[in-house]
């Protein structure tokens, strides 16, 4: 009984390890996309309504401030977009999360192989 259990654990552990290696290879070579746990939020700019009541000089000043603020925001977004392409942060987070999960699967598979080997060794020592 220990012999059958040992071989079963070894086979299951090896299937886990080989499956993890195969899937990770496909992810990191670009054949498949990483599971999307983190998704990049779409940012939409909202314009604040400008009040029509009040002084014309104040309204003009407010419009000018809004234009300058939008210009600065657009400039900053363009510069950041050049340094970090859209979606790169979420892709890196998803790749990191997959790497952690893959390490867990490899460790679990190795532990199953080790337990299976222990059962087979214990069976041989009994005989």
Protein backbone atom coordinates (compact mmCIF):
# COMPACT_ATOMS: atom_id res chain seq x y z
CA UNK A 1 0.00 0.00 0.00
CA UNK A 2 2.83 2.42 0.87
CA UNK A 3 4.50 1.54 -2.41
CA UNK A 4 1.42 2.49 -4.46
CA UNK A 5 0.90 5.67 -2.45
CA UNK A 6 4.57 6.58 -2.85
CA UNK A 7 4.51 6.18 -6.63
CA UNK A 8 1.23 8.08 -6.86
CA UNK A 9 2.69 11.00 -4.91
CA UNK A 10 5.81 10.99 -7.07
CA UNK A 11 3.79 11.03 -10.29
CA UNK A 12 1.46 13.78 -9.04
CA UNK A 13 4.44 15.86 -7.89
CA UNK A 14 6.24 15.46 -11.20
CA UNK A 15 3.09 16.37 -13.15
CA UNK A 16 2.76 19.53 -11.01
CA UNK A 17 6.40 20.48 -11.60
CA UNK A 18 6.38 19.78 -15.34
CA UNK A 19 3.02 21.48 -15.85
CA UNK A 20 4.23 24.54 -14.00
CA UNK A 21 7.40 24.69 -16.07
CA UNK A 22 5.44 24.31 -19.33
CA UNK A 23 2.89 27.02 -18.45
CA UNK A 24 5.59 29.39 -17.16
CA UNK A 25 7.59 28.88 -20.36
CA UNK A 26 4.54 29.81 -22.44
CA UNK A 27 3.90 32.93 -20.33
CA UNK A 28 7.47 34.19 -20.35
CA UNK A 29 8.04 33.55 -24.07
CA UNK A 30 4.87 35.47 -24.94
CA UNK A 31 2.86 32.55 -26.32
CA UNK A 32 0.19 33.14 -23.67
CA UNK A 33 -0.74 36.16 -21.59
CA UNK A 34 -0.30 36.16 -17.83
CA UNK A 35 -3.48 35.74 -15.80
CA UNK A 36 -4.85 39.23 -15.24
CA UNK A 37 -5.12 39.73 -11.52
CA UNK A 38 -4.11 43.39 -11.68
CA UNK A 39 -5.78 45.51 -14.34
CA UNK A 40 -4.83 49.04 -15.22
CA UNK A 41 -7.57 51.50 -14.44
CA UNK A 42 -8.74 53.76 -17.23
CA UNK A 43 -8.26 57.37 -16.20
CA UNK A 44 -10.78 59.83 -17.55
CA UNK A 45 -10.32 63.53 -17.15
CA UNK A 46 -13.31 65.38 -15.83
CA UNK A 47 -13.69 69.06 -16.47
CA UNK A 48 -15.08 71.15 -13.70
CA UNK A 49 -17.95 73.39 -14.75
CA UNK A 50 -17.11 77.05 -14.74
CA UNK A 51 -19.64 79.25 -13.02
CA UNK A 52 -21.27 81.83 -15.25
CA UNK A 53 -22.09 84.21 -12.45
CA UNK A 54 -19.60 86.70 -11.15
CA UNK A 55 -16.99 89.00 -12.54
CA UNK A 56 -15.77 88.58 -16.13
CA UNK A 57 -12.17 89.09 -15.02
CA UNK A 58 -12.52 86.33 -12.43
CA UNK A 59 -14.06 83.99 -15.03
CA UNK A 60 -11.24 84.70 -17.47
CA UNK A 61 -8.67 84.08 -14.76
CA UNK A 62 -10.37 80.81 -13.80
CA UNK A 63 -10.41 79.69 -17.45
CA UNK A 64 -6.73 80.55 -17.80
CA UNK A 65 -5.88 78.59 -14.66
CA UNK A 66 -7.84 75.58 -15.97
CA UNK A 67 -6.05 75.75 -19.33
CA UNK A 68 -2.64 75.94 -17.66
CA UNK A 69 -3.53 73.08 -15.34
CA UNK A 70 -4.72 70.91 -18.25
CA UNK A 71 -1.60 71.76 -20.24
CA UNK A 72 0.66 70.75 -17.33
CA UNK A 73 -1.30 67.52 -16.77
CA UNK A 74 -1.12 66.60 -20.46
CA UNK A 75 2.60 67.32 -20.53
CA UNK A 76 3.22 65.14 -17.47
CA UNK A 77 1.08 62.32 -18.87
CA UNK A 78 3.00 62.43 -22.16
CA UNK A 79 6.36 62.25 -20.38
CA UNK A 80 5.27 59.39 -18.13
CA UNK A 81 3.76 57.61 -21.15
CA UNK A 82 7.12 57.74 -22.89
CA UNK A 83 8.95 56.28 -19.89
CA UNK A 84 6.33 53.66 -18.95
CA UNK A 85 4.17 52.35 -21.78
CA UNK A 86 0.50 51.83 -21.07
CA UNK A 87 -0.14 48.60 -19.19
CA UNK A 88 3.49 47.91 -18.28
CA UNK A 89 2.98 48.23 -14.53
CA UNK A 90 0.03 45.83 -14.44
CA UNK A 91 1.93 43.40 -16.68
CA UNK A 92 4.92 43.46 -14.34
CA UNK A 93 2.68 42.95 -11.31
CA UNK A 94 0.91 40.02 -13.00
CA UNK A 95 4.27 38.47 -13.97
CA UNK A 96 5.54 38.86 -10.41
CA UNK A 97 2.40 37.32 -8.96
CA UNK A 98 2.63 34.39 -11.38
CA UNK A 99 6.30 33.88 -10.41
CA UNK A 100 5.34 33.67 -6.75
CA UNK A 101 2.55 31.19 -7.53
CA UNK A 102 4.87 29.15 -9.79
CA UNK A 103 7.42 28.95 -6.97
CA UNK A 104 4.67 27.69 -4.67
CA UNK A 105 3.68 25.02 -7.22
CA UNK A 106 7.29 23.94 -7.68
CA UNK A 107 7.78 23.70 -3.93
CA UNK A 108 4.56 21.73 -3.46
CA UNK A 109 5.48 19.35 -6.30
CA UNK A 110 8.95 18.84 -4.86
CA UNK A 111 7.45 18.11 -1.43
CA UNK A 112 5.08 15.52 -2.94
CA UNK A 113 7.99 13.82 -4.73
CA UNK A 114 9.94 13.81 -1.48
CA UNK A 115 7.00 12.32 0.46
CA UNK A 116 6.51 9.67 -2.22
CA UNK A 117 10.18 8.75 -2.06
CA UNK A 118 9.91 8.50 1.71
CA UNK A 119 6.97 6.09 1.44
CA UNK A 120 8.84 3.89 -1.05
CA UNK A 121 11.98 3.94 1.10
CA UNK A 122 9.94 3.04 4.23
CA UNK A 123 8.32 0.14 2.36
CA UNK A 124 11.73 -1.23 1.32
CA UNK A 125 13.08 -0.95 4.87
CA UNK A 126 10.12 -2.95 6.20
CA UNK A 127 10.93 -5.85 3.89
